Amino acid sequence: MYKVVIPGRPIPKGRPRFNRRTGAVYNPERTRQYEQLVGWCAKQIFKKPLKNELAVYIDVYVKNNVFPDIDNIAKSILDGMQGVVYENDRQIYFLSVQRLRGKDEYVEVRIEPKEAG
């Protein structure tokens, strides 16, 4: 099992934005920066993407009783790990996401490759 820790308050995936002039669709800057942080943290553990099916366990630690939108946090984390931890999120056969209170804010992601055969 592999473990990736992403420091700081987790950022939920923002809604796509539209450029009125060009019609292009893009992610908000805050989302893009958080996904880059997730990818950078994962690159410290993974030198190339895994090819197996994967079970992914995401523990989101936040202070106080303020819990961000958990499904959009999972989306930011999974999108940030794509191409680094796995080639495509279709490789994920099991996903667990939980919010926990902590004195520090961070996300811990555990990745468990499925055994071949």
PDB file of N, CA and C in Angstrom:
ATOM      1  N   MET A   1       0.848  -1.181   0.000  1.00  0.00           N
ATOM      2  CA  MET A   1       0.000   0.000   0.000  1.00  0.00           C
ATOM      3  C   MET A   1       0.891   1.241   0.000  1.00  0.00           C
ATOM      4  N   TYR A   2       0.491   2.227  -0.767  1.00  0.00           N
ATOM      5  CA  TYR A   2       1.210   3.497  -0.862  1.00  0.00           C
ATOM      6  C   TYR A   2       0.426   4.561  -0.095  1.00  0.00           C
ATOM      7  N   LYS A   3       1.135   5.580   0.397  1.00  0.00           N
ATOM      8  CA  LYS A   3       0.472   6.666   1.107  1.00  0.00           C
ATOM      9  C   LYS A   3       0.990   8.013   0.605  1.00  0.00           C
ATOM     10  N   VAL A   4       0.055   8.901   0.273  1.00  0.00           N
ATOM     11  CA  VAL A   4       0.377  10.262  -0.166  1.00  0.00           C
ATOM     12  C   VAL A   4      -0.300  11.219   0.810  1.00  0.00           C
ATOM     13  N   VAL A   5       0.456  12.185   1.335  1.00  0.00           N
ATOM     14  CA  VAL A   5      -0.096  13.193   2.237  1.00  0.00           C
ATOM     15  C   VAL A   5      -0.059  14.540   1.522  1.00  0.00           C
ATOM     16  N   ILE A   6      -1.208  15.210   1.496  1.00  0.00           N
ATOM     17  CA  ILE A   6      -1.323  16.534   0.870  1.00  0.00           C
ATOM     18  C   ILE A   6      -1.550  17.545   1.991  1.00  0.00           C
ATOM     19  N   PRO A   7      -0.588  18.438   2.228  1.00  0.00           N
ATOM     20  CA  PRO A   7      -0.710  19.375   3.340  1.00  0.00           C
ATOM     21  C   PRO A   7      -1.726  20.482   3.059  1.00  0.00           C
ATOM     22  N   GLY A   8      -2.246  21.061   4.128  1.00  0.00           N
ATOM     23  CA  GLY A   8      -3.123  22.218   4.013  1.00  0.00           C
ATOM     24  C   GLY A   8      -4.587  21.856   3.867  1.00  0.00           C
ATOM     25  N   ARG A   9      -5.396  22.891   3.894  1.00  0.00           N
ATOM     26  CA  ARG A   9      -6.852  22.714   3.773  1.00  0.00           C
ATOM     27  C   ARG A   9      -7.190  22.204   2.378  1.00  0.00           C
ATOM     28  N   PRO A  10      -7.985  21.126   2.284  1.00  0.00           N
ATOM     29  CA  PRO A  10      -8.357  20.599   0.980  1.00  0.00           C
ATOM     30  C   PRO A  10      -9.261  21.576   0.231  1.00  0.00           C
ATOM     31  N   ILE A  11      -9.081  21.643  -1.077  1.00  0.00           N
ATOM     32  CA  ILE A  11      -9.849  22.549  -1.936  1.00  0.00           C
ATOM     33  C   ILE A  11     -10.798  21.716  -2.798  1.00  0.00           C
ATOM     34  N   PRO A  12     -12.103  21.941  -2.685  1.00  0.00           N
ATOM     35  CA  PRO A  12     -13.038  21.201  -3.532  1.00  0.00           C
ATOM     36  C   PRO A  12     -12.900  21.615  -5.000  1.00  0.00           C
ATOM     37  N   LYS A  13     -13.247  20.709  -5.882  1.00  0.00           N
ATOM     38  CA  LYS A  13     -13.226  20.991  -7.318  1.00  0.00           C
ATOM     39  C   LYS A  13     -14.235  22.098  -7.606  1.00  0.00           C
ATOM     40  N   GLY A  14     -13.762  23.166  -8.264  1.00  0.00           N
ATOM     41  CA  GLY A  14     -14.641  24.276  -8.608  1.00  0.00           C
ATOM     42  C   GLY A  14     -15.411  23.995  -9.882  1.00  0.00           C
ATOM     43  N   ARG A  15     -16.466  24.718 -10.081  1.00  0.00           N
ATOM     44  CA  ARG A  15     -17.253  24.563 -11.310  1.00  0.00           C
ATOM     45  C   ARG A  15     -16.479  25.104 -12.496  1.00  0.00           C
ATOM     46  N   PRO A  16     -16.600  24.471 -13.643  1.00  0.00           N
ATOM     47  CA  PRO A  16     -15.895  24.967 -14.825  1.00  0.00           C
ATOM     48  C   PRO A  16     -16.350  26.384 -15.170  1.00  0.00           C
ATOM     49  N   ARG A  17     -15.442  27.162 -15.686  1.00  0.00           N
ATOM     50  CA  ARG A  17     -15.727  28.536 -16.107  1.00  0.00           C
ATOM     51  C   ARG A  17     -15.675  28.597 -17.627  1.00  0.00           C
ATOM     52  N   PHE A  18     -16.362  29.581 -18.187  1.00  0.00           N
ATOM     53  CA  PHE A  18     -16.414  29.750 -19.633  1.00  0.00           C
ATOM     54  C   PHE A  18     -15.823  31.109 -19.995  1.00  0.00           C
ATOM     55  N   ASN A  19     -14.977  31.111 -20.997  1.00  0.00           N
ATOM     56  CA  ASN A  19     -14.439  32.357 -21.524  1.00  0.00           C
ATOM     57  C   ASN A  19     -15.436  32.858 -22.561  1.00  0.00           C
ATOM     58  N   ARG A  20     -16.040  33.987 -22.280  1.00  0.00           N
ATOM     59  CA  ARG A  20     -17.090  34.492 -23.177  1.00  0.00           C
ATOM     60  C   ARG A  20     -16.546  34.884 -24.543  1.00  0.00           C
ATOM     61  N   ARG A  21     -15.316  35.327 -24.564  1.00  0.00           N
ATOM     62  CA  ARG A  21     -14.723  35.769 -25.830  1.00  0.00           C
ATOM     63  C   ARG A  21     -14.402  34.596 -26.745  1.00  0.00           C
ATOM     64  N   THR A  22     -13.746  33.560 -26.187  1.00  0.00           N
ATOM     65  CA  THR A  22     -13.311  32.433 -27.017  1.00  0.00           C
ATOM     66  C   THR A  22     -14.221  31.215 -26.911  1.00  0.00           C
ATOM     67  N   GLY A  23     -15.069  31.174 -25.872  1.00  0.00           N
ATOM     68  CA  GLY A  23     -15.932  30.016 -25.670  1.00  0.00           C
ATOM     69  C   GLY A  23     -15.232  28.842 -25.016  1.00  0.00           C
ATOM     70  N   ALA A  24     -13.973  29.013 -24.632  1.00  0.00           N
ATOM     71  CA  ALA A  24     -13.205  27.937 -24.017  1.00  0.00           C
ATOM     72  C   ALA A  24     -13.703  27.674 -22.589  1.00  0.00           C
ATOM     73  N   VAL A  25     -13.628  26.421 -22.177  1.00  0.00           N
ATOM     74  CA  VAL A  25     -13.990  26.013 -20.828  1.00  0.00           C
ATOM     75  C   VAL A  25     -12.695  25.773 -20.054  1.00  0.00           C
ATOM     76  N   TYR A  26     -12.628  26.263 -18.815  1.00  0.00           N
ATOM     77  CA  TYR A  26     -11.424  26.076 -18.008  1.00  0.00           C
ATOM     78  C   TYR A  26     -11.789  25.930 -16.543  1.00  0.00           C
ATOM     79  N   ASN A  27     -10.866  25.324 -15.773  1.00  0.00           N
ATOM     80  CA  ASN A  27     -11.040  25.192 -14.331  1.00  0.00           C
ATOM     81  C   ASN A  27     -10.616  26.476 -13.637  1.00  0.00           C
ATOM     82  N   PRO A  28     -11.252  26.805 -12.502  1.00  0.00           N
ATOM     83  CA  PRO A  28     -10.821  27.979 -11.745  1.00  0.00           C
ATOM     84  C   PRO A  28      -9.367  27.832 -11.299  1.00  0.00           C
ATOM     85  N   GLU A  29      -8.674  28.944 -11.163  1.00  0.00           N
ATOM     86  CA  GLU A  29      -7.252  28.952 -10.785  1.00  0.00           C
ATOM     87  C   GLU A  29      -7.010  28.215  -9.467  1.00  0.00           C
ATOM     88  N   ARG A  30      -7.863  28.431  -8.502  1.00  0.00           N
ATOM     89  CA  ARG A  30      -7.700  27.796  -7.180  1.00  0.00           C
ATOM     90  C   ARG A  30      -7.744  26.270  -7.309  1.00  0.00           C
ATOM     91  N   THR A  31      -8.659  25.756  -8.105  1.00  0.00           N
ATOM     92  CA  THR A  31      -8.753  24.312  -8.339  1.00  0.00           C
ATOM     93  C   THR A  31      -7.505  23.810  -9.052  1.00  0.00           C
ATOM     94  N   ARG A  32      -7.086  24.515 -10.071  1.00  0.00           N
ATOM     95  CA  ARG A  32      -5.890  24.122 -10.837  1.00  0.00           C
ATOM     96  C   ARG A  32      -4.658  24.049  -9.935  1.00  0.00           C
ATOM     97  N   GLN A  33      -4.481  25.035  -9.075  1.00  0.00           N
ATOM     98  CA  GLN A  33      -3.331  25.058  -8.167  1.00  0.00           C
ATOM     99  C   GLN A  33      -3.370  23.891  -7.186  1.00  0.00           C
ATOM    100  N   TYR A  34      -4.562  23.582  -6.663  1.00  0.00           N
ATOM    101  CA  TYR A  34      -4.664  22.473  -5.716  1.00  0.00           C
ATOM    102  C   TYR A  34      -4.381  21.139  -6.409  1.00  0.00           C
ATOM    103  N   GLU A  35      -4.896  20.949  -7.604  1.00  0.00           N
ATOM    104  CA  GLU A  35      -4.631  19.714  -8.337  1.00  0.00           C
ATOM    105  C   GLU A  35      -3.142  19.575  -8.652  1.00  0.00           C
ATOM    106  N   GLN A  36      -2.459  20.680  -8.922  1.00  0.00           N
ATOM    107  CA  GLN A  36      -1.007  20.642  -9.144  1.00  0.00           C
ATOM    108  C   GLN A  36      -0.282  20.250  -7.859  1.00  0.00           C
ATOM    109  N   LEU A  37      -0.733  20.761  -6.696  1.00  0.00           N
ATOM    110  CA  LEU A  37      -0.143  20.377  -5.411  1.00  0.00           C
ATOM    111  C   LEU A  37      -0.326  18.886  -5.176  1.00  0.00           C
ATOM    112  N   VAL A  38      -1.517  18.368  -5.433  1.00  0.00           N
ATOM    113  CA  VAL A  38      -1.788  16.938  -5.268  1.00  0.00           C
ATOM    114  C   VAL A  38      -0.843  16.126  -6.155  1.00  0.00           C
ATOM    115  N   GLY A  39      -0.709  16.521  -7.411  1.00  0.00           N
ATOM    116  CA  GLY A  39       0.187  15.826  -8.334  1.00  0.00           C
ATOM    117  C   GLY A  39       1.629  15.878  -7.878  1.00  0.00           C
ATOM    118  N   TRP A  40       2.065  17.038  -7.376  1.00  0.00           N
ATOM    119  CA  TRP A  40       3.444  17.175  -6.892  1.00  0.00           C
ATOM    120  C   TRP A  40       3.689  16.259  -5.697  1.00  0.00           C
ATOM    121  N   CYS A  41       2.746  16.213  -4.758  1.00  0.00           N
ATOM    122  CA  CYS A  41       2.892  15.332  -3.586  1.00  0.00           C
ATOM    123  C   CYS A  41       2.946  13.867  -4.017  1.00  0.00           C
ATOM    124  N   ALA A  42       2.111  13.491  -4.980  1.00  0.00           N
ATOM    125  CA  ALA A  42       2.096  12.111  -5.469  1.00  0.00           C
ATOM    126  C   ALA A  42       3.399  11.756  -6.186  1.00  0.00           C
ATOM    127  N   LYS A  43       3.988  12.723  -6.897  1.00  0.00           N
ATOM    128  CA  LYS A  43       5.239  12.461  -7.625  1.00  0.00           C
ATOM    129  C   LYS A  43       6.398  12.166  -6.682  1.00  0.00           C
ATOM    130  N   GLN A  44       6.264  12.535  -5.422  1.00  0.00           N
ATOM    131  CA  GLN A  44       7.305  12.215  -4.449  1.00  0.00           C
ATOM    132  C   GLN A  44       7.315  10.710  -4.148  1.00  0.00           C
ATOM    133  N   ILE A  45       6.198  10.043  -4.398  1.00  0.00           N
ATOM    134  CA  ILE A  45       6.053   8.608  -4.123  1.00  0.00           C
ATOM    135  C   ILE A  45       6.092   7.780  -5.406  1.00  0.00           C
ATOM    136  N   PHE A  46       5.450   8.275  -6.455  1.00  0.00           N
ATOM    137  CA  PHE A  46       5.290   7.515  -7.698  1.00  0.00           C
ATOM    138  C   PHE A  46       6.179   8.067  -8.800  1.00  0.00           C
ATOM    139  N   LYS A  47       7.021   7.223  -9.357  1.00  0.00           N
ATOM    140  CA  LYS A  47       7.890   7.636 -10.462  1.00  0.00           C
ATOM    141  C   LYS A  47       7.202   7.457 -11.807  1.00  0.00           C
ATOM    142  N   LYS A  48       6.254   6.502 -11.863  1.00  0.00           N
ATOM    143  CA  LYS A  48       5.442   6.315 -13.070  1.00  0.00           C
ATOM    144  C   LYS A  48       4.081   5.785 -12.636  1.00  0.00           C
ATOM    145  N   PRO A  49       3.054   6.003 -13.440  1.00  0.00           N
ATOM    146  CA  PRO A  49       1.700   5.581 -13.066  1.00  0.00           C
ATOM    147  C   PRO A  49       1.571   4.060 -12.963  1.00  0.00           C
ATOM    148  N   LEU A  50       0.753   3.627 -12.002  1.00  0.00           N
ATOM    149  CA  LEU A  50       0.453   2.210 -11.841  1.00  0.00           C
ATOM    150  C   LEU A  50      -0.508   1.768 -12.938  1.00  0.00           C
ATOM    151  N   LYS A  51      -0.448   0.488 -13.282  1.00  0.00           N
ATOM    152  CA  LYS A  51      -1.315  -0.040 -14.333  1.00  0.00           C
ATOM    153  C   LYS A  51      -2.410  -0.958 -13.780  1.00  0.00           C
ATOM    154  N   ASN A  52      -2.278  -1.385 -12.508  1.00  0.00           N
ATOM    155  CA  ASN A  52      -3.248  -2.269 -11.872  1.00  0.00           C
ATOM    156  C   ASN A  52      -4.558  -1.551 -11.588  1.00  0.00           C
ATOM    157  N   GLU A  53      -5.581  -2.352 -11.254  1.00  0.00           N
ATOM    158  CA  GLU A  53      -6.777  -1.778 -10.657  1.00  0.00           C
ATOM    159  C   GLU A  53      -6.405  -1.363  -9.235  1.00  0.00           C
ATOM    160  N   LEU A  54      -7.087  -0.341  -8.712  1.00  0.00           N
ATOM    161  CA  LEU A  54      -6.684   0.239  -7.428  1.00  0.00           C
ATOM    162  C   LEU A  54      -7.864   0.445  -6.490  1.00  0.00           C
ATOM    163  N   ALA A  55      -7.576   0.263  -5.207  1.00  0.00           N
ATOM    164  CA  ALA A  55      -8.484   0.705  -4.149  1.00  0.00           C
ATOM    165  C   ALA A  55      -7.878   1.995  -3.602  1.00  0.00           C
ATOM    166  N   VAL A  56      -8.698   3.036  -3.464  1.00  0.00           N
ATOM    167  CA  VAL A  56      -8.209   4.335  -3.000  1.00  0.00           C
ATOM    168  C   VAL A  56      -9.002   4.740  -1.758  1.00  0.00           C
ATOM    169  N   TYR A  57      -8.266   5.076  -0.706  1.00  0.00           N
ATOM    170  CA  TYR A  57      -8.862   5.504   0.563  1.00  0.00           C
ATOM    171  C   TYR A  57      -8.422   6.938   0.821  1.00  0.00           C
ATOM    172  N   ILE A  58      -9.375   7.853   0.920  1.00  0.00           N
ATOM    173  CA  ILE A  58      -9.070   9.270   1.124  1.00  0.00           C
ATOM    174  C   ILE A  58      -9.599   9.690   2.489  1.00  0.00           C
ATOM    175  N   ASP A  59      -8.697  10.150   3.366  1.00  0.00           N
ATOM    176  CA  ASP A  59      -9.070  10.691   4.673  1.00  0.00           C
ATOM    177  C   ASP A  59      -8.817  12.188   4.648  1.00  0.00           C
ATOM    178  N   VAL A  60      -9.872  12.966   4.847  1.00  0.00           N
ATOM    179  CA  VAL A  60      -9.800  14.423   4.800  1.00  0.00           C
ATOM    180  C   VAL A  60      -9.855  14.937   6.232  1.00  0.00           C
ATOM    181  N   TYR A  61      -8.778  15.555   6.690  1.00  0.00           N
ATOM    182  CA  TYR A  61      -8.709  16.100   8.048  1.00  0.00           C
ATOM    183  C   TYR A  61      -8.914  17.608   8.001  1.00  0.00           C
ATOM    184  N   VAL A  62      -9.913  18.089   8.747  1.00  0.00           N
ATOM    185  CA  VAL A  62     -10.187  19.522   8.819  1.00  0.00           C
ATOM    186  C   VAL A  62     -10.401  19.917  10.274  1.00  0.00           C
ATOM    187  N   LYS A  63     -10.186  21.202  10.558  1.00  0.00           N
ATOM    188  CA  LYS A  63     -10.376  21.735  11.906  1.00  0.00           C
ATOM    189  C   LYS A  63     -11.838  22.078  12.128  1.00  0.00           C
ATOM    190  N   ASN A  64     -12.196  22.187  13.386  1.00  0.00           N
ATOM    191  CA  ASN A  64     -13.524  22.648  13.800  1.00  0.00           C
ATOM    192  C   ASN A  64     -14.622  21.780  13.211  1.00  0.00           C
ATOM    193  N   ASN A  65     -15.770  22.359  13.043  1.00  0.00           N
ATOM    194  CA  ASN A  65     -16.908  21.633  12.475  1.00  0.00           C
ATOM    195  C   ASN A  65     -17.196  22.067  11.047  1.00  0.00           C
ATOM    196  N   VAL A  66     -16.272  22.742  10.411  1.00  0.00           N
ATOM    197  CA  VAL A  66     -16.482  23.224   9.050  1.00  0.00           C
ATOM    198  C   VAL A  66     -15.982  22.151   8.079  1.00  0.00           C
ATOM    199  N   PHE A  67     -16.919  21.442   7.467  1.00  0.00           N
ATOM    200  CA  PHE A  67     -16.560  20.381   6.542  1.00  0.00           C
ATOM    201  C   PHE A  67     -16.874  20.801   5.123  1.00  0.00           C
ATOM    202  N   PRO A  68     -15.874  20.869   4.278  1.00  0.00           N
ATOM    203  CA  PRO A  68     -16.121  21.206   2.873  1.00  0.00           C
ATOM    204  C   PRO A  68     -16.866  20.076   2.155  1.00  0.00           C
ATOM    205  N   ASP A  69     -17.308  20.368   0.950  1.00  0.00           N
ATOM    206  CA  ASP A  69     -18.051  19.427   0.118  1.00  0.00           C
ATOM    207  C   ASP A  69     -17.184  18.213  -0.214  1.00  0.00           C
ATOM    208  N   ILE A  70     -17.476  17.086   0.386  1.00  0.00           N
ATOM    209  CA  ILE A  70     -16.600  15.910   0.340  1.00  0.00           C
ATOM    210  C   ILE A  70     -16.464  15.318  -1.061  1.00  0.00           C
ATOM    211  N   ASP A  71     -17.536  15.282  -1.849  1.00  0.00           N
ATOM    212  CA  ASP A  71     -17.420  14.669  -3.177  1.00  0.00           C
ATOM    213  C   ASP A  71     -16.579  15.525  -4.110  1.00  0.00           C
ATOM    214  N   ASN A  72     -16.646  16.846  -3.973  1.00  0.00           N
ATOM    215  CA  ASN A  72     -15.817  17.713  -4.812  1.00  0.00           C
ATOM    216  C   ASN A  72     -14.357  17.716  -4.366  1.00  0.00           C
ATOM    217  N   ILE A  73     -14.108  17.464  -3.086  1.00  0.00           N
ATOM    218  CA  ILE A  73     -12.721  17.291  -2.623  1.00  0.00           C
ATOM    219  C   ILE A  73     -12.140  16.027  -3.242  1.00  0.00           C
ATOM    220  N   ALA A  74     -12.908  14.943  -3.210  1.00  0.00           N
ATOM    221  CA  ALA A  74     -12.445  13.687  -3.815  1.00  0.00           C
ATOM    222  C   ALA A  74     -12.139  13.892  -5.296  1.00  0.00           C
ATOM    223  N   LYS A  75     -12.985  14.643  -5.990  1.00  0.00           N
ATOM    224  CA  LYS A  75     -12.773  14.906  -7.425  1.00  0.00           C
ATOM    225  C   LYS A  75     -11.464  15.658  -7.659  1.00  0.00           C
ATOM    226  N   SER A  76     -11.178  16.679  -6.852  1.00  0.00           N
ATOM    227  CA  SER A  76      -9.910  17.420  -6.986  1.00  0.00           C
ATOM    228  C   SER A  76      -8.705  16.508  -6.783  1.00  0.00           C
ATOM    229  N   ILE A  77      -8.801  15.660  -5.777  1.00  0.00           N
ATOM    230  CA  ILE A  77      -7.681  14.771  -5.455  1.00  0.00           C
ATOM    231  C   ILE A  77      -7.490  13.734  -6.557  1.00  0.00           C
ATOM    232  N   LEU A  78      -8.575  13.113  -6.990  1.00  0.00           N
ATOM    233  CA  LEU A  78      -8.469  12.093  -8.039  1.00  0.00           C
ATOM    234  C   LEU A  78      -7.973  12.692  -9.350  1.00  0.00           C
ATOM    235  N   ASP A  79      -8.447  13.876  -9.706  1.00  0.00           N
ATOM    236  CA  ASP A  79      -7.974  14.532 -10.936  1.00  0.00           C
ATOM    237  C   ASP A  79      -6.508  14.925 -10.819  1.00  0.00           C
ATOM    238  N   GLY A  80      -6.079  15.356  -9.646  1.00  0.00           N
ATOM    239  CA  GLY A  80      -4.681  15.728  -9.439  1.00  0.00           C
ATOM    240  C   GLY A  80      -3.734  14.535  -9.506  1.00  0.00           C
ATOM    241  N   MET A  81      -4.225  13.336  -9.162  1.00  0.00           N
ATOM    242  CA  MET A  81      -3.381  12.135  -9.180  1.00  0.00           C
ATOM    243  C   MET A  81      -3.357  11.444 -10.542  1.00  0.00           C
ATOM    244  N   GLN A  82      -4.317  11.795 -11.408  1.00  0.00           N
ATOM    245  CA  GLN A  82      -4.375  11.147 -12.723  1.00  0.00           C
ATOM    246  C   GLN A  82      -3.129  11.485 -13.534  1.00  0.00           C
ATOM    247  N   GLY A  83      -2.540  10.466 -14.123  1.00  0.00           N
ATOM    248  CA  GLY A  83      -1.314  10.640 -14.893  1.00  0.00           C
ATOM    249  C   GLY A  83      -0.063  10.529 -14.042  1.00  0.00           C
ATOM    250  N   VAL A  84      -0.230  10.527 -12.719  1.00  0.00           N
ATOM    251  CA  VAL A  84       0.906  10.400 -11.793  1.00  0.00           C
ATOM    252  C   VAL A  84       0.808   9.078 -11.045  1.00  0.00           C
ATOM    253  N   VAL A  85      -0.330   8.825 -10.387  1.00  0.00           N
ATOM    254  CA  VAL A  85      -0.541   7.598  -9.622  1.00  0.00           C
ATOM    255  C   VAL A  85      -1.106   6.508 -10.524  1.00  0.00           C
ATOM    256  N   TYR A  86      -2.014   6.870 -11.393  1.00  0.00           N
ATOM    257  CA  TYR A  86      -2.646   5.940 -12.326  1.00  0.00           C
ATOM    258  C   TYR A  86      -2.820   6.647 -13.662  1.00  0.00           C
ATOM    259  N   GLU A  87      -3.007   5.842 -14.693  1.00  0.00           N
ATOM    260  CA  GLU A  87      -3.172   6.419 -16.030  1.00  0.00           C
ATOM    261  C   GLU A  87      -4.549   7.040 -16.202  1.00  0.00           C
ATOM    262  N   ASN A  88      -5.580   6.364 -15.660  1.00  0.00           N
ATOM    263  CA  ASN A  88      -6.946   6.844 -15.799  1.00  0.00           C
ATOM    264  C   ASN A  88      -7.736   6.427 -14.566  1.00  0.00           C
ATOM    265  N   ASP A  89      -8.644   7.273 -14.112  1.00  0.00           N
ATOM    266  CA  ASP A  89      -9.388   6.939 -12.893  1.00  0.00           C
ATOM    267  C   ASP A  89     -10.352   5.764 -13.079  1.00  0.00           C
ATOM    268  N   ARG A  90     -10.479   5.247 -14.292  1.00  0.00           N
ATOM    269  CA  ARG A  90     -11.244   4.011 -14.505  1.00  0.00           C
ATOM    270  C   ARG A  90     -10.561   2.823 -13.837  1.00  0.00           C
ATOM    271  N   GLN A  91      -9.289   2.949 -13.491  1.00  0.00           N
ATOM    272  CA  GLN A  91      -8.564   1.883 -12.801  1.00  0.00           C
ATOM    273  C   GLN A  91      -9.029   1.722 -11.351  1.00  0.00           C
ATOM    274  N   ILE A  92      -9.744   2.687 -10.817  1.00  0.00           N
ATOM    275  CA  ILE A  92     -10.181   2.638  -9.425  1.00  0.00           C
ATOM    276  C   ILE A  92     -11.430   1.772  -9.335  1.00  0.00           C
ATOM    277  N   TYR A  93     -11.312   0.641  -8.615  1.00  0.00           N
ATOM    278  CA  TYR A  93     -12.457  -0.246  -8.451  1.00  0.00           C
ATOM    279  C   TYR A  93     -13.131  -0.057  -7.098  1.00  0.00           C
ATOM    280  N   PHE A  94     -12.424   0.591  -6.161  1.00  0.00           N
ATOM    281  CA  PHE A  94     -12.994   0.866  -4.843  1.00  0.00           C
ATOM    282  C   PHE A  94     -12.517   2.231  -4.382  1.00  0.00           C
ATOM    283  N   LEU A  95     -13.447   3.047  -3.865  1.00  0.00           N
ATOM    284  CA  LEU A  95     -13.115   4.383  -3.381  1.00  0.00           C
ATOM    285  C   LEU A  95     -13.803   4.616  -2.049  1.00  0.00           C
ATOM    286  N   SER A  96     -13.029   5.022  -1.059  1.00  0.00           N
ATOM    287  CA  SER A  96     -13.567   5.371   0.253  1.00  0.00           C
ATOM    288  C   SER A  96     -13.108   6.785   0.575  1.00  0.00           C
ATOM    289  N   VAL A  97     -14.042   7.656   0.970  1.00  0.00           N
ATOM    290  CA  VAL A  97     -13.718   9.035   1.332  1.00  0.00           C
ATOM    291  C   VAL A  97     -14.378   9.324   2.664  1.00  0.00           C
ATOM    292  N   GLN A  98     -13.585   9.826   3.622  1.00  0.00           N
ATOM    293  CA  GLN A  98     -14.170  10.206   4.897  1.00  0.00           C
ATOM    294  C   GLN A  98     -13.599  11.509   5.410  1.00  0.00           C
ATOM    295  N   ARG A  99     -14.446  12.255   6.105  1.00  0.00           N
ATOM    296  CA  ARG A  99     -14.035  13.516   6.730  1.00  0.00           C
ATOM    297  C   ARG A  99     -13.766  13.241   8.196  1.00  0.00           C
ATOM    298  N   LEU A 100     -12.680  13.801   8.688  1.00  0.00           N
ATOM    299  CA  LEU A 100     -12.300  13.601  10.077  1.00  0.00           C
ATOM    300  C   LEU A 100     -11.879  14.934  10.686  1.00  0.00           C
ATOM    301  N   ARG A 101     -12.109  15.091  11.959  1.00  0.00           N
ATOM    302  CA  ARG A 101     -11.627  16.285  12.657  1.00  0.00           C
ATOM    303  C   ARG A 101     -10.180  16.059  13.042  1.00  0.00           C
ATOM    304  N   GLY A 102      -9.399  17.112  12.933  1.00  0.00           N
ATOM    305  CA  GLY A 102      -7.999  17.030  13.329  1.00  0.00           C
ATOM    306  C   GLY A 102      -7.518  18.372  13.811  1.00  0.00           C
ATOM    307  N   LYS A 103      -6.367  18.384  14.444  1.00  0.00           N
ATOM    308  CA  LYS A 103      -5.817  19.679  14.868  1.00  0.00           C
ATOM    309  C   LYS A 103      -5.108  20.353  13.708  1.00  0.00           C
ATOM    310  N   ASP A 104      -4.730  19.562  12.700  1.00  0.00           N
ATOM    311  CA  ASP A 104      -4.133  20.098  11.475  1.00  0.00           C
ATOM    312  C   ASP A 104      -5.034  19.742  10.299  1.00  0.00           C
ATOM    313  N   GLU A 105      -4.923  20.528   9.232  1.00  0.00           N
ATOM    314  CA  GLU A 105      -5.709  20.254   8.033  1.00  0.00           C
ATOM    315  C   GLU A 105      -4.799  19.666   6.961  1.00  0.00           C
ATOM    316  N   TYR A 106      -5.197  18.508   6.465  1.00  0.00           N
ATOM    317  CA  TYR A 106      -4.454  17.826   5.407  1.00  0.00           C
ATOM    318  C   TYR A 106      -5.303  16.689   4.872  1.00  0.00           C
ATOM    319  N   VAL A 107      -4.813  16.053   3.825  1.00  0.00           N
ATOM    320  CA  VAL A 107      -5.484  14.882   3.250  1.00  0.00           C
ATOM    321  C   VAL A 107      -4.462  13.755   3.192  1.00  0.00           C
ATOM    322  N   GLU A 108      -4.901  12.575   3.595  1.00  0.00           N
ATOM    323  CA  GLU A 108      -4.068  11.378   3.486  1.00  0.00           C
ATOM    324  C   GLU A 108      -4.758  10.439   2.505  1.00  0.00           C
ATOM    325  N   VAL A 109      -4.027  10.046   1.476  1.00  0.00           N
ATOM    326  CA  VAL A 109      -4.559   9.137   0.457  1.00  0.00           C
ATOM    327  C   VAL A 109      -3.747   7.854   0.500  1.00  0.00           C
ATOM    328  N   ARG A 110      -4.444   6.730   0.648  1.00  0.00           N
ATOM    329  CA  ARG A 110      -3.793   5.429   0.607  1.00  0.00           C
ATOM    330  C   ARG A 110      -4.246   4.719  -0.672  1.00  0.00           C
ATOM    331  N   ILE A 111      -3.278   4.189  -1.398  1.00  0.00           N
ATOM    332  CA  ILE A 111      -3.553   3.537  -2.669  1.00  0.00           C
ATOM    333  C   ILE A 111      -3.083   2.088  -2.556  1.00  0.00           C
ATOM    334  N   GLU A 112      -4.001   1.168  -2.832  1.00  0.00           N
ATOM    335  CA  GLU A 112      -3.687  -0.252  -2.745  1.00  0.00           C
ATOM    336  C   GLU A 112      -3.937  -0.911  -4.095  1.00  0.00           C
ATOM    337  N   PRO A 113      -2.853  -1.327  -4.783  1.00  0.00           N
ATOM    338  CA  PRO A 113      -3.028  -2.017  -6.071  1.00  0.00           C
ATOM    339  C   PRO A 113      -3.658  -3.397  -5.858  1.00  0.00           C
ATOM    340  N   LYS A 114      -4.537  -3.766  -6.765  1.00  0.00           N
ATOM    341  CA  LYS A 114      -5.151  -5.099  -6.733  1.00  0.00           C
ATOM    342  C   LYS A 114      -4.132  -6.091  -7.255  1.00  0.00           C
ATOM    343  N   GLU A 115      -4.046  -7.214  -6.560  1.00  0.00           N
ATOM    344  CA  GLU A 115      -3.106  -8.250  -6.975  1.00  0.00           C
ATOM    345  C   GLU A 115      -3.534  -8.823  -8.320  1.00  0.00           C
ATOM    346  N   ALA A 116      -2.570  -9.064  -9.203  1.00  0.00           N
ATOM    347  CA  ALA A 116      -2.859  -9.653 -10.518  1.00  0.00           C
ATOM    348  C   ALA A 116      -3.297 -11.098 -10.325  1.00  0.00           C
ATOM    349  N   GLY A 117      -4.262 -11.533 -11.128  1.00  0.00           N
ATOM    350  CA  GLY A 117      -4.685 -12.924 -11.103  1.00  0.00           C
ATOM    351  C   GLY A 117      -5.873 -13.074 -10.295  1.00  0.00           C
TER     352      GLY A 117
END
